Amino acid sequence: MADGFEDQVAEAGAVSVEGWDFSWLDGRATEERPSWGYQRAMGERLAGATAALDIQTGGGEVLAGVPRLPPLMAATESWPPNLAKATALLHPRGAVVVADADEPPLPFADGAFDLVVSRHPVTVWWEEIARVLRPGGTYFSQHVGPASAVELVEFFLGPQPGAAGGARHPDRARQGAREAGLDLVQLREESLRMEFHDIGAVVYFLRKVIWMVPDFTVDRYRDRLRDLHDRIIAEGPFVTRSTRMLVEARRPA
């Protein structure tokens, strides 16, 4: 008797994972949201800025969702499909989207912006952020924290003893900001419940968030996917926890 495994895996393996819109997971997976409401708070800061930069904008969905952009708004992105999507979303809003390899240097002059934002940057180049900020300017970002969804990662890769530390630890953010000459205004961290209700949701998530299981393909991990599918059928949703950090730092005036 068919249990849906092949159909779910095939569907999730074929759907587009361009951009940073997770609406395909509606009804298949859930994730708690941080209490600080990053997009709303980011929008409030953008409304008061004169020149702003969104680093690693993805498909531009988060930035496009704020009510008001500053007179000068730029965004960077490295992945070509995301560049095309972000351009289509943000150009009508008057924002310029710049191709950038997500490695120093940022393609902007010193002191070009009074606000730099970023939601879930893969890598944070603190010295470059400080360089492109004007004196008195602010970096406002939501980072992925340490050991995010580690239970899911460990299901496929085995124990990850260093997951709780590493580059995503809040101490590294404090150190990076300080060494770049920025004053840390706030750093908040929250652990949030995630649930995957079917194996299609897992496949889609791992295809889209490629750094979770870096060598993920359906064929390579078919046996583990089958095991997880059977577990979800028998026990209910697979539960893990994401971690998020709200980071605000200011360049001294």
C-alpha atoms as a PDB file:
ATOM      1  CA  MET A   1       0.000   0.000   0.000  1.00  0.00           C
ATOM      2  CA  ALA A   2       1.381   3.409  -1.000  1.00  0.00           C
ATOM      3  CA  ASP A   3       2.316   5.612   1.953  1.00  0.00           C
ATOM      4  CA  GLY A   4       2.953   8.819   0.017  1.00  0.00           C
ATOM      5  CA  PHE A   5       6.738   8.809   0.362  1.00  0.00           C
ATOM      6  CA  GLU A   6       7.628   8.740  -3.335  1.00  0.00           C
ATOM      7  CA  ASP A   7       4.983  11.288  -4.310  1.00  0.00           C
ATOM      8  CA  GLN A   8       5.988  13.730  -1.563  1.00  0.00           C
ATOM      9  CA  VAL A   9       9.692  13.432  -2.306  1.00  0.00           C
ATOM     10  CA  ALA A  10       9.147  13.841  -6.036  1.00  0.00           C
ATOM     11  CA  GLU A  11       6.935  16.903  -5.581  1.00  0.00           C
ATOM     12  CA  ALA A  12       9.324  18.609  -3.148  1.00  0.00           C
ATOM     13  CA  GLY A  13      12.326  17.731  -5.291  1.00  0.00           C
ATOM     14  CA  ALA A  14      10.826  19.362  -8.374  1.00  0.00           C
ATOM     15  CA  VAL A  15       9.409  22.616  -6.974  1.00  0.00           C
ATOM     16  CA  SER A  16      11.449  25.803  -7.428  1.00  0.00           C
ATOM     17  CA  VAL A  17      13.521  26.924  -4.448  1.00  0.00           C
ATOM     18  CA  GLU A  18      14.403  30.357  -5.855  1.00  0.00           C
ATOM     19  CA  GLY A  19      14.053  33.381  -3.611  1.00  0.00           C
ATOM     20  CA  TRP A  20      13.401  33.385   0.126  1.00  0.00           C
ATOM     21  CA  ASP A  21       9.663  32.769   0.153  1.00  0.00           C
ATOM     22  CA  PHE A  22       8.713  29.706   2.235  1.00  0.00           C
ATOM     23  CA  SER A  23       4.970  29.756   1.482  1.00  0.00           C
ATOM     24  CA  TRP A  24       5.216  26.321  -0.180  1.00  0.00           C
ATOM     25  CA  LEU A  25       5.581  24.944   3.353  1.00  0.00           C
ATOM     26  CA  ASP A  26       2.178  26.262   4.464  1.00  0.00           C
ATOM     27  CA  GLY A  27       0.342  23.327   6.015  1.00  0.00           C
ATOM     28  CA  ARG A  28       3.477  21.170   5.845  1.00  0.00           C
ATOM     29  CA  ALA A  29       5.780  22.817   8.390  1.00  0.00           C
ATOM     30  CA  THR A  30       5.635  25.507  11.074  1.00  0.00           C
ATOM     31  CA  GLU A  31       8.194  27.711  12.781  1.00  0.00           C
ATOM     32  CA  GLU A  32       7.733  30.104  15.661  1.00  0.00           C
ATOM     33  CA  ARG A  33       8.708  33.684  14.922  1.00  0.00           C
ATOM     34  CA  PRO A  34      10.988  35.783  17.156  1.00  0.00           C
ATOM     35  CA  SER A  35       9.178  38.112  19.518  1.00  0.00           C
ATOM     36  CA  TRP A  36      10.905  41.228  18.176  1.00  0.00           C
ATOM     37  CA  GLY A  37       9.237  41.121  14.715  1.00  0.00           C
ATOM     38  CA  TYR A  38      12.289  41.786  12.551  1.00  0.00           C
ATOM     39  CA  GLN A  39      10.606  42.897   9.329  1.00  0.00           C
ATOM     40  CA  ARG A  40       8.414  45.406  11.156  1.00  0.00           C
ATOM     41  CA  ALA A  41      11.357  46.767  13.174  1.00  0.00           C
ATOM     42  CA  MET A  42      13.516  46.919  10.052  1.00  0.00           C
ATOM     43  CA  GLY A  43      10.769  48.805   8.243  1.00  0.00           C
ATOM     44  CA  GLU A  44      10.574  51.389  11.030  1.00  0.00           C
ATOM     45  CA  ARG A  45      14.307  52.032  10.735  1.00  0.00           C
ATOM     46  CA  LEU A  46      14.244  52.177   6.944  1.00  0.00           C
ATOM     47  CA  ALA A  47      11.447  54.762   7.040  1.00  0.00           C
ATOM     48  CA  GLY A  48      13.756  57.114   8.936  1.00  0.00           C
ATOM     49  CA  ALA A  49      16.917  56.490   6.896  1.00  0.00           C
ATOM     50  CA  THR A  50      18.288  58.551   4.030  1.00  0.00           C
ATOM     51  CA  ALA A  51      20.538  55.916   2.438  1.00  0.00           C
ATOM     52  CA  ALA A  52      20.343  52.208   3.274  1.00  0.00           C
ATOM     53  CA  LEU A  53      21.822  48.886   2.187  1.00  0.00           C
ATOM     54  CA  ASP A  54      20.268  45.420   2.484  1.00  0.00           C
ATOM     55  CA  ILE A  55      23.030  42.784   2.393  1.00  0.00           C
ATOM     56  CA  GLN A  56      22.242  39.314   1.006  1.00  0.00           C
ATOM     57  CA  THR A  57      18.673  40.265   0.147  1.00  0.00           C
ATOM     58  CA  GLY A  58      17.785  36.835  -1.270  1.00  0.00           C
ATOM     59  CA  GLY A  59      14.837  37.271  -3.609  1.00  0.00           C
ATOM     60  CA  GLY A  60      14.108  40.683  -2.079  1.00  0.00           C
ATOM     61  CA  GLU A  61      10.919  39.472  -0.385  1.00  0.00           C
ATOM     62  CA  VAL A  62      11.681  40.810   3.098  1.00  0.00           C
ATOM     63  CA  LEU A  63      12.769  44.235   1.875  1.00  0.00           C
ATOM     64  CA  ALA A  64       9.870  44.491  -0.579  1.00  0.00           C
ATOM     65  CA  GLY A  65       7.448  43.889   2.283  1.00  0.00           C
ATOM     66  CA  VAL A  66       8.254  47.060   4.219  1.00  0.00           C
ATOM     67  CA  PRO A  67       5.930  50.041   3.733  1.00  0.00           C
ATOM     68  CA  ARG A  68       8.467  52.773   3.024  1.00  0.00           C
ATOM     69  CA  LEU A  69      12.021  52.732   1.651  1.00  0.00           C
ATOM     70  CA  PRO A  70      14.551  55.572   2.036  1.00  0.00           C
ATOM     71  CA  PRO A  71      15.371  57.883  -0.880  1.00  0.00           C
ATOM     72  CA  LEU A  72      18.484  55.825  -1.634  1.00  0.00           C
ATOM     73  CA  MET A  73      18.051  52.049  -1.248  1.00  0.00           C
ATOM     74  CA  ALA A  74      20.518  49.421  -2.421  1.00  0.00           C
ATOM     75  CA  ALA A  75      20.577  45.646  -1.993  1.00  0.00           C
ATOM     76  CA  THR A  76      23.181  42.989  -2.713  1.00  0.00           C
ATOM     77  CA  GLU A  77      22.760  39.338  -3.700  1.00  0.00           C
ATOM     78  CA  SER A  78      25.080  36.651  -5.076  1.00  0.00           C
ATOM     79  CA  TRP A  79      22.858  33.900  -6.499  1.00  0.00           C
ATOM     80  CA  PRO A  80      21.705  34.684 -10.092  1.00  0.00           C
ATOM     81  CA  PRO A  81      18.120  33.357  -9.761  1.00  0.00           C
ATOM     82  CA  ASN A  82      17.679  35.448  -6.622  1.00  0.00           C
ATOM     83  CA  LEU A  83      19.181  38.474  -8.358  1.00  0.00           C
ATOM     84  CA  ALA A  84      16.544  38.281 -11.072  1.00  0.00           C
ATOM     85  CA  LYS A  85      13.737  37.870  -8.565  1.00  0.00           C
ATOM     86  CA  ALA A  86      14.982  40.673  -6.311  1.00  0.00           C
ATOM     87  CA  THR A  87      15.371  43.005  -9.281  1.00  0.00           C
ATOM     88  CA  ALA A  88      11.791  42.368 -10.376  1.00  0.00           C
ATOM     89  CA  LEU A  89      10.479  42.999  -6.853  1.00  0.00           C
ATOM     90  CA  LEU A  90      12.644  45.948  -5.827  1.00  0.00           C
ATOM     91  CA  HIS A  91      13.195  48.028  -8.962  1.00  0.00           C
ATOM     92  CA  PRO A  92       9.557  49.173  -8.992  1.00  0.00           C
ATOM     93  CA  ARG A  93      10.155  50.381  -5.417  1.00  0.00           C
ATOM     94  CA  GLY A  94      13.128  52.475  -6.565  1.00  0.00           C
ATOM     95  CA  ALA A  95      15.789  50.178  -5.072  1.00  0.00           C
ATOM     96  CA  VAL A  96      18.893  49.118  -6.987  1.00  0.00           C
ATOM     97  CA  VAL A  97      20.014  45.475  -6.758  1.00  0.00           C
ATOM     98  CA  VAL A  98      23.752  44.843  -7.099  1.00  0.00           C
ATOM     99  CA  ALA A  99      25.418  41.513  -7.861  1.00  0.00           C
ATOM    100  CA  ASP A 100      27.954  40.785  -5.139  1.00  0.00           C
ATOM    101  CA  ALA A 101      29.954  37.654  -4.313  1.00  0.00           C
ATOM    102  CA  ASP A 102      29.307  37.945  -0.560  1.00  0.00           C
ATOM    103  CA  GLU A 103      33.025  38.447  -0.003  1.00  0.00           C
ATOM    104  CA  PRO A 104      34.902  41.653   0.843  1.00  0.00           C
ATOM    105  CA  PRO A 105      34.907  44.316  -0.346  1.00  0.00           C
ATOM    106  CA  LEU A 106      31.327  45.496  -0.602  1.00  0.00           C
ATOM    107  CA  PRO A 107      30.935  47.409  -3.897  1.00  0.00           C
ATOM    108  CA  PHE A 108      30.256  50.761  -2.201  1.00  0.00           C
ATOM    109  CA  ALA A 109      32.270  53.732  -1.025  1.00  0.00           C
ATOM    110  CA  ASP A 110      33.271  54.409   2.566  1.00  0.00           C
ATOM    111  CA  GLY A 111      30.469  55.939   4.619  1.00  0.00           C
ATOM    112  CA  ALA A 112      27.852  55.463   1.901  1.00  0.00           C
ATOM    113  CA  PHE A 113      24.946  54.477   4.177  1.00  0.00           C
ATOM    114  CA  ASP A 114      23.399  55.541   7.436  1.00  0.00           C
ATOM    115  CA  LEU A 115      21.679  52.134   7.789  1.00  0.00           C
ATOM    116  CA  VAL A 116      22.752  48.608   6.848  1.00  0.00           C
ATOM    117  CA  VAL A 117      20.296  45.741   7.302  1.00  0.00           C
ATOM    118  CA  SER A 118      20.434  42.010   6.647  1.00  0.00           C
ATOM    119  CA  ARG A 119      18.109  39.119   7.437  1.00  0.00           C
ATOM    120  CA  HIS A 120      19.893  35.799   7.935  1.00  0.00           C
ATOM    121  CA  PRO A 121      23.264  36.658   6.383  1.00  0.00           C
ATOM    122  CA  VAL A 122      25.332  33.560   5.634  1.00  0.00           C
ATOM    123  CA  THR A 123      28.553  35.367   6.557  1.00  0.00           C
ATOM    124  CA  VAL A 124      28.917  38.688   8.370  1.00  0.00           C
ATOM    125  CA  TRP A 125      31.869  40.815   7.211  1.00  0.00           C
ATOM    126  CA  TRP A 126      31.977  43.206  10.139  1.00  0.00           C
ATOM    127  CA  GLU A 127      34.807  45.416   8.895  1.00  0.00           C
ATOM    128  CA  GLU A 128      33.030  45.982   5.585  1.00  0.00           C
ATOM    129  CA  ILE A 129      29.779  46.836   7.352  1.00  0.00           C
ATOM    130  CA  ALA A 130      31.637  49.357   9.509  1.00  0.00           C
ATOM    131  CA  ARG A 131      33.406  50.790   6.453  1.00  0.00           C
ATOM    132  CA  VAL A 132      30.243  51.524   4.456  1.00  0.00           C
ATOM    133  CA  LEU A 133      28.414  52.996   7.468  1.00  0.00           C
ATOM    134  CA  ARG A 134      28.524  56.714   8.067  1.00  0.00           C
ATOM    135  CA  PRO A 135      29.598  57.899  11.520  1.00  0.00           C
ATOM    136  CA  GLY A 136      26.565  57.409  13.708  1.00  0.00           C
ATOM    137  CA  GLY A 137      25.134  54.858  11.278  1.00  0.00           C
ATOM    138  CA  THR A 138      23.471  51.604  12.374  1.00  0.00           C
ATOM    139  CA  TYR A 139      23.689  47.932  11.470  1.00  0.00           C
ATOM    140  CA  PHE A 140      20.381  46.168  12.194  1.00  0.00           C
ATOM    141  CA  SER A 141      20.128  42.474  11.445  1.00  0.00           C
ATOM    142  CA  GLN A 142      18.537  39.161  12.320  1.00  0.00           C
ATOM    143  CA  HIS A 143      21.183  36.431  12.368  1.00  0.00           C
ATOM    144  CA  VAL A 144      20.738  32.684  12.440  1.00  0.00           C
ATOM    145  CA  GLY A 145      22.085  31.595  15.816  1.00  0.00           C
ATOM    146  CA  PRO A 146      24.142  28.586  16.879  1.00  0.00           C
ATOM    147  CA  ALA A 147      22.866  25.005  16.554  1.00  0.00           C
ATOM    148  CA  SER A 148      19.830  26.088  14.558  1.00  0.00           C
ATOM    149  CA  ALA A 149      17.732  23.046  13.576  1.00  0.00           C
ATOM    150  CA  VAL A 150      20.591  20.887  14.835  1.00  0.00           C
ATOM    151  CA  GLU A 151      18.300  17.923  15.520  1.00  0.00           C
ATOM    152  CA  LEU A 152      17.394  17.815  11.816  1.00  0.00           C
ATOM    153  CA  VAL A 153      21.014  18.230  10.729  1.00  0.00           C
ATOM    154  CA  GLU A 154      22.138  15.454  13.056  1.00  0.00           C
ATOM    155  CA  PHE A 155      19.470  13.104  11.715  1.00  0.00           C
ATOM    156  CA  PHE A 156      21.260  13.221   8.360  1.00  0.00           C
ATOM    157  CA  LEU A 157      24.888  13.932   9.296  1.00  0.00           C
ATOM    158  CA  GLY A 158      25.266  12.418  12.768  1.00  0.00           C
ATOM    159  CA  PRO A 159      26.492  14.223  15.907  1.00  0.00           C
ATOM    160  CA  GLN A 160      27.613  17.831  15.438  1.00  0.00           C
ATOM    161  CA  PRO A 161      29.686  18.522  18.576  1.00  0.00           C
ATOM    162  CA  GLY A 162      30.725  22.011  17.455  1.00  0.00           C
ATOM    163  CA  ALA A 163      27.268  23.205  16.488  1.00  0.00           C
ATOM    164  CA  ALA A 164      26.657  25.181  19.675  1.00  0.00           C
ATOM    165  CA  GLY A 165      29.747  27.332  19.091  1.00  0.00           C
ATOM    166  CA  GLY A 166      31.390  28.392  15.879  1.00  0.00           C
ATOM    167  CA  ALA A 167      30.840  31.465  13.771  1.00  0.00           C
ATOM    168  CA  ARG A 168      27.158  31.838  14.718  1.00  0.00           C
ATOM    169  CA  HIS A 169      27.706  32.044  18.473  1.00  0.00           C
ATOM    170  CA  PRO A 170      26.629  35.394  19.989  1.00  0.00           C
ATOM    171  CA  ASP A 171      30.107  35.867  21.441  1.00  0.00           C
ATOM    172  CA  ARG A 172      31.490  35.883  17.906  1.00  0.00           C
ATOM    173  CA  ALA A 173      29.044  38.638  16.962  1.00  0.00           C
ATOM    174  CA  ARG A 174      30.099  40.676  19.973  1.00  0.00           C
ATOM    175  CA  GLN A 175      33.755  40.190  19.104  1.00  0.00           C
ATOM    176  CA  GLY A 176      33.270  40.957  15.408  1.00  0.00           C
ATOM    177  CA  ALA A 177      31.405  44.183  16.097  1.00  0.00           C
ATOM    178  CA  ARG A 178      33.957  45.310  18.664  1.00  0.00           C
ATOM    179  CA  GLU A 179      36.963  44.558  16.462  1.00  0.00           C
ATOM    180  CA  ALA A 180      35.356  46.478  13.595  1.00  0.00           C
ATOM    181  CA  GLY A 181      34.983  49.525  15.858  1.00  0.00           C
ATOM    182  CA  LEU A 182      31.206  49.276  16.247  1.00  0.00           C
ATOM    183  CA  ASP A 183      29.330  49.769  19.511  1.00  0.00           C
ATOM    184  CA  LEU A 184      26.922  46.918  20.224  1.00  0.00           C
ATOM    185  CA  VAL A 185      23.521  48.406  21.060  1.00  0.00           C
ATOM    186  CA  GLN A 186      21.635  45.158  21.574  1.00  0.00           C
ATOM    187  CA  LEU A 187      22.016  41.428  21.028  1.00  0.00           C
ATOM    188  CA  ARG A 188      19.030  39.198  21.768  1.00  0.00           C
ATOM    189  CA  GLU A 189      18.706  35.470  21.216  1.00  0.00           C
ATOM    190  CA  GLU A 190      15.650  33.212  21.059  1.00  0.00           C
ATOM    191  CA  SER A 191      15.084  29.483  20.536  1.00  0.00           C
ATOM    192  CA  LEU A 192      12.011  28.719  18.423  1.00  0.00           C
ATOM    193  CA  ARG A 193      10.038  25.534  17.805  1.00  0.00           C
ATOM    194  CA  MET A 194      10.010  24.085  14.278  1.00  0.00           C
ATOM    195  CA  GLU A 195       7.783  21.203  13.146  1.00  0.00           C
ATOM    196  CA  PHE A 196       7.957  19.217   9.902  1.00  0.00           C
ATOM    197  CA  HIS A 197       4.665  17.459   9.212  1.00  0.00           C
ATOM    198  CA  ASP A 198       5.712  15.433   6.156  1.00  0.00           C
ATOM    199  CA  ILE A 199       8.847  14.372   4.343  1.00  0.00           C
ATOM    200  CA  GLY A 200       8.160  16.743   1.455  1.00  0.00           C
ATOM    201  CA  ALA A 201       8.632  19.661   3.840  1.00  0.00           C
ATOM    202  CA  VAL A 202      12.012  18.281   4.897  1.00  0.00           C
ATOM    203  CA  VAL A 203      13.167  17.831   1.294  1.00  0.00           C
ATOM    204  CA  TYR A 204      12.089  21.347   0.332  1.00  0.00           C
ATOM    205  CA  PHE A 205      13.712  22.896   3.403  1.00  0.00           C
ATOM    206  CA  LEU A 206      17.049  21.153   2.846  1.00  0.00           C
ATOM    207  CA  ARG A 207      17.063  22.045  -0.859  1.00  0.00           C
ATOM    208  CA  LYS A 208      16.406  25.695  -0.038  1.00  0.00           C
ATOM    209  CA  VAL A 209      18.575  26.177   3.071  1.00  0.00           C
ATOM    210  CA  ILE A 210      21.597  24.571   1.468  1.00  0.00           C
ATOM    211  CA  TRP A 211      24.059  25.077   4.337  1.00  0.00           C
ATOM    212  CA  MET A 212      22.100  22.814   6.688  1.00  0.00           C
ATOM    213  CA  VAL A 213      23.155  19.581   4.963  1.00  0.00           C
ATOM    214  CA  PRO A 214      25.626  20.918   2.380  1.00  0.00           C
ATOM    215  CA  ASP A 215      25.748  17.817   0.181  1.00  0.00           C
ATOM    216  CA  PHE A 216      22.004  17.156   0.297  1.00  0.00           C
ATOM    217  CA  THR A 217      20.274  15.510  -2.648  1.00  0.00           C
ATOM    218  CA  VAL A 218      17.270  13.221  -2.574  1.00  0.00           C
ATOM    219  CA  ASP A 219      19.232  10.385  -4.157  1.00  0.00           C
ATOM    220  CA  ARG A 220      22.161  10.672  -1.737  1.00  0.00           C
ATOM    221  CA  TYR A 221      19.946  10.659   1.348  1.00  0.00           C
ATOM    222  CA  ARG A 222      17.006   8.568   0.145  1.00  0.00           C
ATOM    223  CA  ASP A 223      17.452   5.915   2.865  1.00  0.00           C
ATOM    224  CA  ARG A 224      17.529   8.497   5.673  1.00  0.00           C
ATOM    225  CA  LEU A 225      14.565  10.300   4.127  1.00  0.00           C
ATOM    226  CA  ARG A 226      12.643   7.040   4.142  1.00  0.00           C
ATOM    227  CA  ASP A 227      13.569   6.486   7.800  1.00  0.00           C
ATOM    228  CA  LEU A 228      12.406   9.977   8.707  1.00  0.00           C
ATOM    229  CA  HIS A 229       9.203   9.564   6.722  1.00  0.00           C
ATOM    230  CA  ASP A 230       8.420   6.366   8.617  1.00  0.00           C
ATOM    231  CA  ARG A 231       9.134   8.137  11.910  1.00  0.00           C
ATOM    232  CA  ILE A 232       6.786  11.021  11.075  1.00  0.00           C
ATOM    233  CA  ILE A 233       4.034   8.576  10.083  1.00  0.00           C
ATOM    234  CA  ALA A 234       4.467   6.625  13.330  1.00  0.00           C
ATOM    235  CA  GLU A 235       5.153   9.428  15.830  1.00  0.00           C
ATOM    236  CA  GLY A 236       3.861  12.670  14.319  1.00  0.00           C
ATOM    237  CA  PRO A 237       5.745  15.830  13.284  1.00  0.00           C
ATOM    238  CA  PHE A 238       9.528  15.938  13.512  1.00  0.00           C
ATOM    239  CA  VAL A 239      10.381  18.675  16.023  1.00  0.00           C
ATOM    240  CA  THR A 240      13.566  20.728  16.101  1.00  0.00           C
ATOM    241  CA  ARG A 241      14.447  24.252  17.199  1.00  0.00           C
ATOM    242  CA  SER A 242      15.780  27.207  15.273  1.00  0.00           C
ATOM    243  CA  THR A 243      17.835  29.928  16.938  1.00  0.00           C
ATOM    244  CA  ARG A 244      17.705  33.581  15.980  1.00  0.00           C
ATOM    245  CA  MET A 245      19.667  36.625  17.125  1.00  0.00           C
ATOM    246  CA  LEU A 246      18.679  40.269  16.853  1.00  0.00           C
ATOM    247  CA  VAL A 247      21.821  42.332  16.407  1.00  0.00           C
ATOM    248  CA  GLU A 248      22.053  46.114  16.483  1.00  0.00           C
ATOM    249  CA  ALA A 249      25.386  47.905  16.345  1.00  0.00           C
ATOM    250  CA  ARG A 250      26.326  51.516  15.743  1.00  0.00           C
ATOM    251  CA  ARG A 251      29.359  53.203  14.259  1.00  0.00           C
ATOM    252  CA  PRO A 252      30.517  55.871  16.722  1.00  0.00           C
ATOM    253  CA  ALA A 253      29.742  59.413  15.623  1.00  0.00           C
END
